[in-house]
C-alpha atoms as a PDB file:
ATOM      1  CA  MET A   1      25.064  40.364   5.724  1.00  0.00           C
ATOM      2  CA  ALA A   2      22.130  41.006   7.069  1.00  0.00           C
ATOM      3  CA  LEU A   3      20.220  39.579   3.889  1.00  0.00           C
ATOM      4  CA  ILE A   4      22.120  36.575   4.371  1.00  0.00           C
ATOM      5  CA  ARG A   5      21.251  36.316   7.411  1.00  0.00           C
ATOM      6  CA  SER A   6      16.815  36.634   6.704  1.00  0.00           C
ATOM      7  CA  ILE A   7      17.902  34.356   4.242  1.00  0.00           C
ATOM      8  CA  ILE A   8      18.736  31.237   6.006  1.00  0.00           C
ATOM      9  CA  HIS A   9      15.906  31.944   9.054  1.00  0.00           C
ATOM     10  CA  ARG A  10      13.526  32.545   6.279  1.00  0.00           C
ATOM     11  CA  ALA A  11      14.636  28.647   5.148  1.00  0.00           C
ATOM     12  CA  GLY A  12      14.319  26.776   8.758  1.00  0.00           C
ATOM     13  CA  PHE A  13      11.193  25.644   7.808  1.00  0.00           C
ATOM     14  CA  PHE A  14      13.055  23.387   5.530  1.00  0.00           C
ATOM     15  CA  PHE A  15      14.971  21.974   8.157  1.00  0.00           C
ATOM     16  CA  GLU A  16      11.116  21.794  11.037  1.00  0.00           C
ATOM     17  CA  TYR A  17       9.805  19.409  12.309  1.00  0.00           C
ATOM     18  CA  HIS A  18      12.051  16.783  14.514  1.00  0.00           C
ATOM     19  CA  ALA A  19       9.215  14.457  15.980  1.00  0.00           C
ATOM     20  CA  PRO A  20       9.272  10.475  14.231  1.00  0.00           C
ATOM     21  CA  ILE A  21       6.317  10.745  13.089  1.00  0.00           C
ATOM     22  CA  HIS A  22       7.088  14.054  10.600  1.00  0.00           C
ATOM     23  CA  ILE A  23      10.627  12.207   9.662  1.00  0.00           C
ATOM     24  CA  GLY A  24       8.480   8.905   8.739  1.00  0.00           C
ATOM     25  CA  LEU A  25       5.991  11.203   6.357  1.00  0.00           C
ATOM     26  CA  GLY A  26       8.807  13.030   4.906  1.00  0.00           C
ATOM     27  CA  ALA A  27      10.508   9.451   4.046  1.00  0.00           C
ATOM     28  CA  VAL A  28       7.049   7.859   2.927  1.00  0.00           C
ATOM     29  CA  ALA A  29       6.240  11.563   0.721  1.00  0.00           C
ATOM     30  CA  GLY A  30       9.627  11.399  -1.093  1.00  0.00           C
ATOM     31  CA  LEU A  31       8.861   7.542  -1.541  1.00  0.00           C
ATOM     32  CA  TRP A  32       5.434   8.271  -3.302  1.00  0.00           C
ATOM     33  CA  LEU A  33       6.420  11.952  -5.445  1.00  0.00           C
ATOM     34  CA  GLY A  34      10.096   9.659  -6.437  1.00  0.00           C
ATOM     35  CA  LEU A  35       9.211   6.686  -7.618  1.00  0.00           C
ATOM     36  CA  ASN A  36       5.262   7.713  -9.263  1.00  0.00           C
ATOM     37  CA  PRO A  37       4.792   9.252 -12.657  1.00  0.00           C
ATOM     38  CA  PRO A  38       3.944  12.757 -12.393  1.00  0.00           C
ATOM     39  CA  LEU A  39       1.197  14.340 -14.773  1.00  0.00           C
ATOM     40  CA  THR A  40      -1.152  11.267 -13.214  1.00  0.00           C
ATOM     41  CA  LEU A  41      -3.911  12.699 -10.758  1.00  0.00           C
ATOM     42  CA  HIS A  42      -2.680  10.804  -7.541  1.00  0.00           C
ATOM     43  CA  TYR A  43       0.273  12.076  -7.716  1.00  0.00           C
ATOM     44  CA  PHE A  44      -0.866  15.508  -7.783  1.00  0.00           C
ATOM     45  CA  PHE A  45      -3.462  13.909  -4.444  1.00  0.00           C
ATOM     46  CA  PHE A  46      -0.476  12.848  -2.741  1.00  0.00           C
ATOM     47  CA  LEU A  47       1.731  16.271  -3.284  1.00  0.00           C
ATOM     48  CA  ILE A  48      -1.334  18.057  -2.357  1.00  0.00           C
ATOM     49  CA  LEU A  49      -2.002  17.051   1.032  1.00  0.00           C
ATOM     50  CA  PHE A  50       2.026  16.408   1.392  1.00  0.00           C
ATOM     51  CA  ALA A  51       2.543  19.851   0.551  1.00  0.00           C
ATOM     52  CA  CYS A  52      -0.327  20.456   3.782  1.00  0.00           C
ATOM     53  CA  LEU A  53       0.362  17.595   6.125  1.00  0.00           C
ATOM     54  CA  ARG A  54       3.608  18.848   8.322  1.00  0.00           C
ATOM     55  CA  LEU A  55       6.711  16.431   7.508  1.00  0.00           C
ATOM     56  CA  ASN A  56      10.452  17.293   7.416  1.00  0.00           C
ATOM     57  CA  LEU A  57      11.005  18.697   4.320  1.00  0.00           C
ATOM     58  CA  PHE A  58      15.052  17.736   4.143  1.00  0.00           C
ATOM     59  CA  VAL A  59      14.455  13.984   4.366  1.00  0.00           C
ATOM     60  CA  ALA A  60      11.713  14.390   2.272  1.00  0.00           C
ATOM     61  CA  VAL A  61      13.782  15.593  -0.220  1.00  0.00           C
ATOM     62  CA  LEU A  62      16.114  13.064   0.367  1.00  0.00           C
ATOM     63  CA  SER A  63      13.704   9.782  -0.099  1.00  0.00           C
ATOM     64  CA  PHE A  64      12.372  12.121  -3.321  1.00  0.00           C
ATOM     65  CA  GLY A  65      16.178  11.319  -5.123  1.00  0.00           C
ATOM     66  CA  ALA A  66      16.654   8.362  -3.708  1.00  0.00           C
ATOM     67  CA  SER A  67      13.916   6.493  -3.930  1.00  0.00           C
ATOM     68  CA  LEU A  68      13.815   8.221  -7.575  1.00  0.00           C
ATOM     69  CA  LEU A  69      17.429   7.338  -8.708  1.00  0.00           C
ATOM     70  CA  CYS A  70      15.673   3.476  -7.937  1.00  0.00           C
ATOM     71  CA  ALA A  71      12.878   3.618 -10.071  1.00  0.00           C
ATOM     72  CA  SER A  72      14.891   4.614 -13.120  1.00  0.00           C
ATOM     73  CA  PHE A  73      16.439   1.639 -12.340  1.00  0.00           C
ATOM     74  CA  PHE A  74      13.460  -0.199 -11.997  1.00  0.00           C
ATOM     75  CA  GLU A  75      10.865   0.881 -14.581  1.00  0.00           C
ATOM     76  CA  PRO A  76      11.758  -2.450 -15.739  1.00  0.00           C
ATOM     77  CA  PHE A  77       9.822  -3.807 -13.100  1.00  0.00           C
ATOM     78  CA  PHE A  78       6.932  -1.887 -12.585  1.00  0.00           C
ATOM     79  CA  HIS A  79       5.549  -2.305 -16.466  1.00  0.00           C
ATOM     80  CA  ALA A  80       6.312  -6.062 -15.710  1.00  0.00           C
ATOM     81  CA  LEU A  81       4.688  -5.708 -12.763  1.00  0.00           C
ATOM     82  CA  GLY A  82       1.607  -4.131 -14.237  1.00  0.00           C
ATOM     83  CA  SER A  83       1.475  -5.449 -17.469  1.00  0.00           C
ATOM     84  CA  ARG A  84       0.951  -8.859 -15.040  1.00  0.00           C
ATOM     85  CA  LEU A  85      -1.530  -7.489 -13.503  1.00  0.00           C
ATOM     86  CA  LEU A  86      -2.855  -5.923 -17.022  1.00  0.00           C
ATOM     87  CA  SER A  87      -3.888  -9.487 -18.548  1.00  0.00           C
ATOM     88  CA  ALA A  88      -4.938 -11.497 -15.359  1.00  0.00           C
ATOM     89  CA  PRO A  89      -8.198 -12.693 -17.135  1.00  0.00           C
ATOM     90  CA  ASP A  90      -9.564 -12.291 -13.941  1.00  0.00           C
ATOM     91  CA  LEU A  91      -9.111  -8.818 -13.156  1.00  0.00           C
ATOM     92  CA  ALA A  92     -10.017  -7.218 -16.246  1.00  0.00           C
ATOM     93  CA  PRO A  93     -13.896  -5.835 -14.957  1.00  0.00           C
ATOM     94  CA  LEU A  94     -11.635  -4.065 -12.347  1.00  0.00           C
ATOM     95  CA  TRP A  95      -9.430  -2.349 -15.315  1.00  0.00           C
ATOM     96  CA  ARG A  96     -12.254  -1.622 -17.035  1.00  0.00           C
ATOM     97  CA  TRP A  97     -14.372   0.302 -14.262  1.00  0.00           C
ATOM     98  CA  LEU A  98     -11.313   1.909 -14.122  1.00  0.00           C
ATOM     99  CA  TYR A  99     -11.005   3.252 -16.777  1.00  0.00           C
ATOM    100  CA  ASN A 100     -14.270   4.194 -18.155  1.00  0.00           C
ATOM    101  CA  ALA A 101     -14.904   5.563 -14.053  1.00  0.00           C
ATOM    102  CA  PRO A 102     -14.924   9.811 -14.918  1.00  0.00           C
ATOM    103  CA  LEU A 103     -12.189  11.319 -12.631  1.00  0.00           C
ATOM    104  CA  LEU A 104     -10.211   7.572 -12.056  1.00  0.00           C
ATOM    105  CA  ALA A 105      -9.555   7.689 -15.737  1.00  0.00           C
ATOM    106  CA  PHE A 106      -6.519  10.432 -14.933  1.00  0.00           C
ATOM    107  CA  CYS A 107      -5.123   7.935 -12.057  1.00  0.00           C
ATOM    108  CA  ARG A 108      -3.650   6.528 -15.338  1.00  0.00           C
ATOM    109  CA  PHE A 109      -4.228   2.507 -13.636  1.00  0.00           C
ATOM    110  CA  THR A 110      -4.747   0.536 -17.466  1.00  0.00           C
ATOM    111  CA  HIS A 111      -0.834   2.034 -18.225  1.00  0.00           C
ATOM    112  CA  THR A 112       1.487  -0.635 -16.982  1.00  0.00           C
ATOM    113  CA  GLN A 113       4.593   1.497 -15.410  1.00  0.00           C
ATOM    114  CA  VAL A 114       1.215   3.472 -13.210  1.00  0.00           C
ATOM    115  CA  LEU A 115      -0.344   0.406 -11.592  1.00  0.00           C
ATOM    116  CA  GLY A 116       3.174  -1.195 -11.543  1.00  0.00           C
ATOM    117  CA  SER A 117       5.174   2.074  -9.479  1.00  0.00           C
ATOM    118  CA  PHE A 118       2.076   2.738  -8.207  1.00  0.00           C
ATOM    119  CA  LEU A 119       1.785  -0.621  -5.779  1.00  0.00           C
ATOM    120  CA  VAL A 120       5.293  -0.972  -5.287  1.00  0.00           C
ATOM    121  CA  SER A 121       5.198   2.258  -3.446  1.00  0.00           C
ATOM    122  CA  LEU A 122       2.276   1.508  -1.518  1.00  0.00           C
ATOM    123  CA  VAL A 123       4.672  -1.962  -0.266  1.00  0.00           C
ATOM    124  CA  LEU A 124       6.825   0.077   0.771  1.00  0.00           C
ATOM    125  CA  SER A 125       5.578   3.288   2.354  1.00  0.00           C
ATOM    126  CA  PRO A 126       5.085   1.156   5.921  1.00  0.00           C
ATOM    127  CA  LEU A 127       9.178   0.113   5.513  1.00  0.00           C
ATOM    128  CA  ALA A 128      10.314   3.710   4.282  1.00  0.00           C
ATOM    129  CA  TYR A 129       7.986   4.815   7.757  1.00  0.00           C
ATOM    130  CA  GLY A 130       9.405   2.363  10.106  1.00  0.00           C
ATOM    131  CA  LEU A 131      13.076   3.581   8.488  1.00  0.00           C
ATOM    132  CA  GLY A 132      13.027   7.196   8.265  1.00  0.00           C
ATOM    133  CA  SER A 133      11.617   7.805  12.184  1.00  0.00           C
ATOM    134  CA  GLY A 134      13.848   4.722  13.342  1.00  0.00           C
ATOM    135  CA  SER A 135      17.177   4.894  11.788  1.00  0.00           C
ATOM    136  CA  LEU A 136      17.000   8.729  11.477  1.00  0.00           C
ATOM    137  CA  MET A 137      16.844   9.359  15.112  1.00  0.00           C
ATOM    138  CA  ARG A 138      18.695   6.544  15.987  1.00  0.00           C
ATOM    139  CA  LEU A 139      21.706   8.266  13.334  1.00  0.00           C
ATOM    140  CA  GLU A 140      21.373  11.959  14.806  1.00  0.00           C
ATOM    141  CA  ASN A 141      23.791  11.932  17.982  1.00  0.00           C
ATOM    142  CA  PRO A 142      26.541   9.937  16.038  1.00  0.00           C
ATOM    143  CA  VAL A 143      26.460  12.527  13.448  1.00  0.00           C
ATOM    144  CA  SER A 144      25.656  14.962  15.345  1.00  0.00           C
ATOM    145  CA  ARG A 145      28.988  14.390  18.025  1.00  0.00           C
ATOM    146  CA  TRP A 146      31.278  13.948  14.701  1.00  0.00           C
ATOM    147  CA  MET A 147      30.215  17.000  13.274  1.00  0.00           C
ATOM    148  CA  TRP A 148      30.604  18.761  15.799  1.00  0.00           C
ATOM    149  CA  ASN A 149      34.963  17.391  16.798  1.00  0.00           C
ATOM    150  CA  ASN A 150      35.024  18.123  12.794  1.00  0.00           C
ATOM    151  CA  PRO A 151      37.931  20.475  12.824  1.00  0.00           C
ATOM    152  CA  ALA A 152      36.249  21.774   9.377  1.00  0.00           C
ATOM    153  CA  TRP A 153      33.518  22.803  11.307  1.00  0.00           C
ATOM    154  CA  LYS A 154      35.810  23.789  14.626  1.00  0.00           C
ATOM    155  CA  TRP A 155      37.747  26.038  12.257  1.00  0.00           C
ATOM    156  CA  LEU A 156      33.909  27.427  10.051  1.00  0.00           C
ATOM    157  CA  MET A 157      32.227  28.507  14.427  1.00  0.00           C
ATOM    158  CA  GLY A 158      35.403  30.618  14.578  1.00  0.00           C
ATOM    159  CA  THR A 159      34.781  33.040  11.924  1.00  0.00           C
ATOM    160  CA  ARG A 160      32.369  35.739  11.549  1.00  0.00           C
ATOM    161  CA  LEU A 161      30.187  34.857   9.044  1.00  0.00           C
ATOM    162  CA  PHE A 162      28.848  31.741  11.666  1.00  0.00           C
ATOM    163  CA  ARG A 163      28.715  33.953  14.516  1.00  0.00           C
ATOM    164  CA  ALA A 164      26.963  36.718  12.212  1.00  0.00           C
ATOM    165  CA  LEU A 165      24.549  34.437  11.253  1.00  0.00           C
ATOM    166  CA  GLN A 166      23.763  32.744  14.462  1.00  0.00           C
ATOM    167  CA  GLU A 167      22.040  36.477  15.833  1.00  0.00           C
ATOM    168  CA  THR A 168      18.827  36.910  15.272  1.00  0.00           C
ATOM    169  CA  PRO A 169      17.433  38.177  12.130  1.00  0.00           C
ATOM    170  CA  PRO A 170      16.305  41.963  11.733  1.00  0.00           C
ATOM    171  CA  GLN A 171      13.156  42.178  12.291  1.00  0.00           C
ATOM    172  CA  GLN A 172      10.333  43.408   9.023  1.00  0.00           C
ATOM    173  CA  ASN A 173       8.370  46.671   9.578  1.00  0.00           C
ATOM    174  CA  ASP A 174       4.128  45.199   8.440  1.00  0.00           C
END
Protein backbone atom coordinates (compact mmCIF):
# COMPACT_ATOMS: atom_id res chain seq x y z
CA MET A 1 0.00 0.00 0.00
CA ALA A 2 2.85 2.37 0.82
CA LEU A 3 4.37 1.70 -2.59
CA ILE A 4 1.10 2.60 -4.36
CA ARG A 5 0.75 5.80 -2.32
CA SER A 6 4.35 6.75 -3.07
CA ILE A 7 3.92 6.18 -6.82
CA ILE A 8 0.69 8.17 -6.97
CA HIS A 9 2.23 11.00 -4.95
CA ARG A 10 5.24 11.14 -7.27
CA ALA A 11 2.99 11.11 -10.35
CA GLY A 12 1.20 14.18 -9.01
CA PHE A 13 3.38 16.40 -11.19
CA PHE A 14 1.32 15.11 -14.10
CA PHE A 15 -1.68 17.11 -12.90
CA GLU A 16 0.09 20.22 -11.61
CA TYR A 17 -0.14 23.73 -13.00
CA HIS A 18 -3.86 24.47 -13.26
CA ALA A 19 -3.54 28.13 -14.24
CA PRO A 20 -5.05 29.01 -17.64
CA ILE A 21 -1.63 29.84 -19.11
CA HIS A 22 -0.27 26.42 -18.14
CA ILE A 23 -3.29 24.65 -19.58
CA GLY A 24 -3.03 26.70 -22.80
CA LEU A 25 0.68 25.95 -23.12
CA GLY A 26 -0.06 22.27 -22.61
CA ALA A 27 -2.56 22.34 -25.45
CA VAL A 28 -0.05 24.10 -27.73
CA ALA A 29 2.71 21.66 -26.79
CA GLY A 30 0.54 18.68 -27.62
CA LEU A 31 -0.50 20.26 -30.90
CA TRP A 32 3.08 20.96 -31.99
CA LEU A 33 4.40 17.58 -30.99
CA GLY A 34 1.44 15.74 -32.48
CA LEU A 35 1.28 17.48 -35.85
CA ASN A 36 4.97 17.82 -36.66
CA PRO A 37 6.90 14.74 -37.77
CA PRO A 38 9.63 13.64 -35.36
CA LEU A 39 13.35 13.46 -36.15
CA THR A 40 13.55 17.06 -37.26
CA LEU A 41 15.54 19.79 -35.58
CA HIS A 42 12.57 21.98 -34.76
CA TYR A 43 10.72 19.00 -33.24
CA PHE A 44 13.58 18.40 -30.79
CA PHE A 45 13.82 22.14 -30.11
CA PHE A 46 10.14 22.31 -29.17
CA LEU A 47 10.40 19.07 -27.19
CA ILE A 48 13.20 20.56 -25.07
CA LEU A 49 11.44 23.92 -24.80
CA PHE A 50 8.20 22.34 -23.59
CA ALA A 51 10.11 20.13 -21.17
CA CYS A 52 11.59 23.26 -19.59
CA LEU A 53 8.31 25.20 -19.46
CA ARG A 54 5.76 24.78 -16.73
CA LEU A 55 2.75 23.35 -18.48
CA ASN A 56 -0.08 21.01 -17.67
CA LEU A 57 1.15 17.62 -18.86
CA PHE A 58 -2.28 16.03 -18.73
CA VAL A 59 -3.64 18.53 -21.25
CA ALA A 60 -0.44 18.20 -23.30
CA VAL A 61 -0.88 14.43 -23.56
CA LEU A 62 -4.58 14.78 -24.47
CA SER A 63 -3.76 17.40 -27.08
CA PHE A 64 -0.88 15.27 -28.39
CA GLY A 65 -3.17 12.28 -28.86
CA ALA A 66 -5.89 14.31 -30.54
CA SER A 67 -3.49 16.10 -32.88
CA LEU A 68 -1.66 12.87 -33.70
CA LEU A 69 -4.97 11.29 -34.65
CA CYS A 70 -5.93 14.33 -36.75
CA ALA A 71 -2.50 14.46 -38.37
CA SER A 72 -2.92 10.97 -39.74
CA PHE A 73 -6.08 12.04 -41.54
CA PHE A 74 -4.70 15.37 -42.79
CA GLU A 75 -1.37 14.13 -44.15
CA PRO A 76 -2.54 14.55 -47.78
CA PHE A 77 -3.45 18.16 -46.99
CA PHE A 78 -0.02 18.78 -45.40
CA HIS A 79 1.64 17.28 -48.45
CA ALA A 80 -0.43 19.39 -50.86
CA LEU A 81 0.26 22.59 -48.90
CA GLY A 82 3.99 21.87 -48.69
CA SER A 83 4.16 20.90 -52.36
CA ARG A 84 2.38 24.07 -53.43
CA LEU A 85 4.74 26.25 -51.40
CA LEU A 86 7.89 24.39 -52.45
CA SER A 87 6.96 24.62 -56.13
CA ALA A 88 6.25 28.37 -56.02
CA PRO A 89 8.91 30.07 -58.18
CA ASP A 90 8.96 33.22 -56.04
CA LEU A 91 9.97 31.22 -52.96
CA ALA A 92 12.74 29.22 -54.68
CA PRO A 93 15.57 31.42 -53.29
CA LEU A 94 14.22 30.95 -49.76
CA TRP A 95 14.13 27.16 -50.10
CA ARG A 96 17.61 27.15 -51.60
CA TRP A 97 18.89 29.21 -48.66
CA LEU A 98 17.17 26.93 -46.12
CA TYR A 99 18.62 23.85 -47.78
CA ASN A 100 22.15 25.26 -47.84
CA ALA A 101 22.08 26.79 -44.35
CA PRO A 102 24.31 24.79 -42.01
CA LEU A 103 21.81 24.09 -39.22
CA LEU A 104 18.43 24.80 -40.84
CA ALA A 105 18.85 21.93 -43.28
CA PHE A 106 18.16 19.56 -40.37
CA CYS A 107 14.70 21.13 -39.96
CA ARG A 108 13.84 19.47 -43.30
CA PHE A 109 11.63 22.34 -44.44
CA THR A 110 12.29 21.30 -48.03
CA HIS A 111 10.18 18.21 -47.41
CA THR A 112 6.52 18.73 -48.28
CA GLN A 113 5.09 16.91 -45.26
CA VAL A 114 7.30 18.75 -42.77
CA LEU A 115 6.64 22.17 -44.24
CA GLY A 116 2.88 21.66 -44.46
CA SER A 117 2.50 20.33 -40.91
CA PHE A 118 4.78 23.07 -39.53
CA LEU A 119 2.68 25.81 -41.12
CA VAL A 120 -0.61 24.25 -40.02
CA SER A 121 0.63 23.91 -36.43
CA LEU A 122 1.86 27.51 -36.56
CA VAL A 123 -1.57 28.71 -37.67
CA LEU A 124 -3.47 26.51 -35.19
CA SER A 125 -1.35 27.43 -32.14
CA PRO A 126 -3.40 30.49 -31.07
CA LEU A 127 -6.58 28.47 -31.49
CA ALA A 128 -5.20 25.62 -29.37
CA TYR A 129 -4.08 28.07 -26.71
CA GLY A 130 -7.49 29.73 -26.61
CA LEU A 131 -9.37 26.45 -26.53
CA GLY A 132 -7.04 24.99 -23.94
CA SER A 133 -7.03 27.89 -21.54
CA GLY A 134 -10.66 28.94 -21.99
CA SER A 135 -12.69 25.80 -22.56
CA LEU A 136 -11.07 23.56 -20.00
CA MET A 137 -11.44 26.16 -17.28
CA ARG A 138 -15.17 26.41 -18.07
CA LEU A 139 -15.56 22.63 -18.12
CA GLU A 140 -13.86 22.14 -14.76
CA ASN A 141 -16.92 22.90 -12.59
CA PRO A 142 -19.52 20.80 -14.50
CA VAL A 143 -17.16 17.83 -14.77
CA SER A 144 -16.20 17.95 -11.10
CA ARG A 145 -19.88 18.31 -10.10
CA TRP A 146 -20.77 15.29 -12.24
CA MET A 147 -17.86 13.32 -10.81
CA TRP A 148 -18.76 14.04 -7.17
CA ASN A 149 -22.43 13.09 -7.77
CA ASN A 150 -21.56 9.90 -9.66
CA PRO A 151 -22.49 6.76 -7.66
CA ALA A 152 -19.33 4.94 -8.77
CA TRP A 153 -17.16 7.79 -7.46
CA LYS A 154 -19.06 7.82 -4.15
CA TRP A 155 -18.51 4.08 -3.84
CA LEU A 156 -14.79 4.47 -4.61
CA MET A 157 -14.45 7.21 -1.99
CA GLY A 158 -15.82 4.83 0.65
CA THR A 159 -13.21 2.15 0.06
CA ARG A 160 -10.17 1.62 2.24
CA LEU A 161 -7.89 1.93 -0.78
CA PHE A 162 -9.12 5.46 -1.49
CA ARG A 163 -8.72 6.51 2.17
CA ALA A 164 -5.22 5.03 2.20
CA LEU A 165 -4.30 6.94 -0.94
CA GLN A 166 -5.50 10.18 0.63
CA GLU A 167 -2.98 9.85 3.46
CA THR A 168 0.36 11.54 3.05
CA PRO A 169 3.08 9.36 1.55
CA PRO A 170 5.85 8.09 3.77
CA GLN A 171 8.83 10.40 4.19
CA GLN A 172 12.07 9.27 2.64
CA ASN A 173 15.26 9.35 4.63
CA ASP A 174 18.01 10.88 2.54
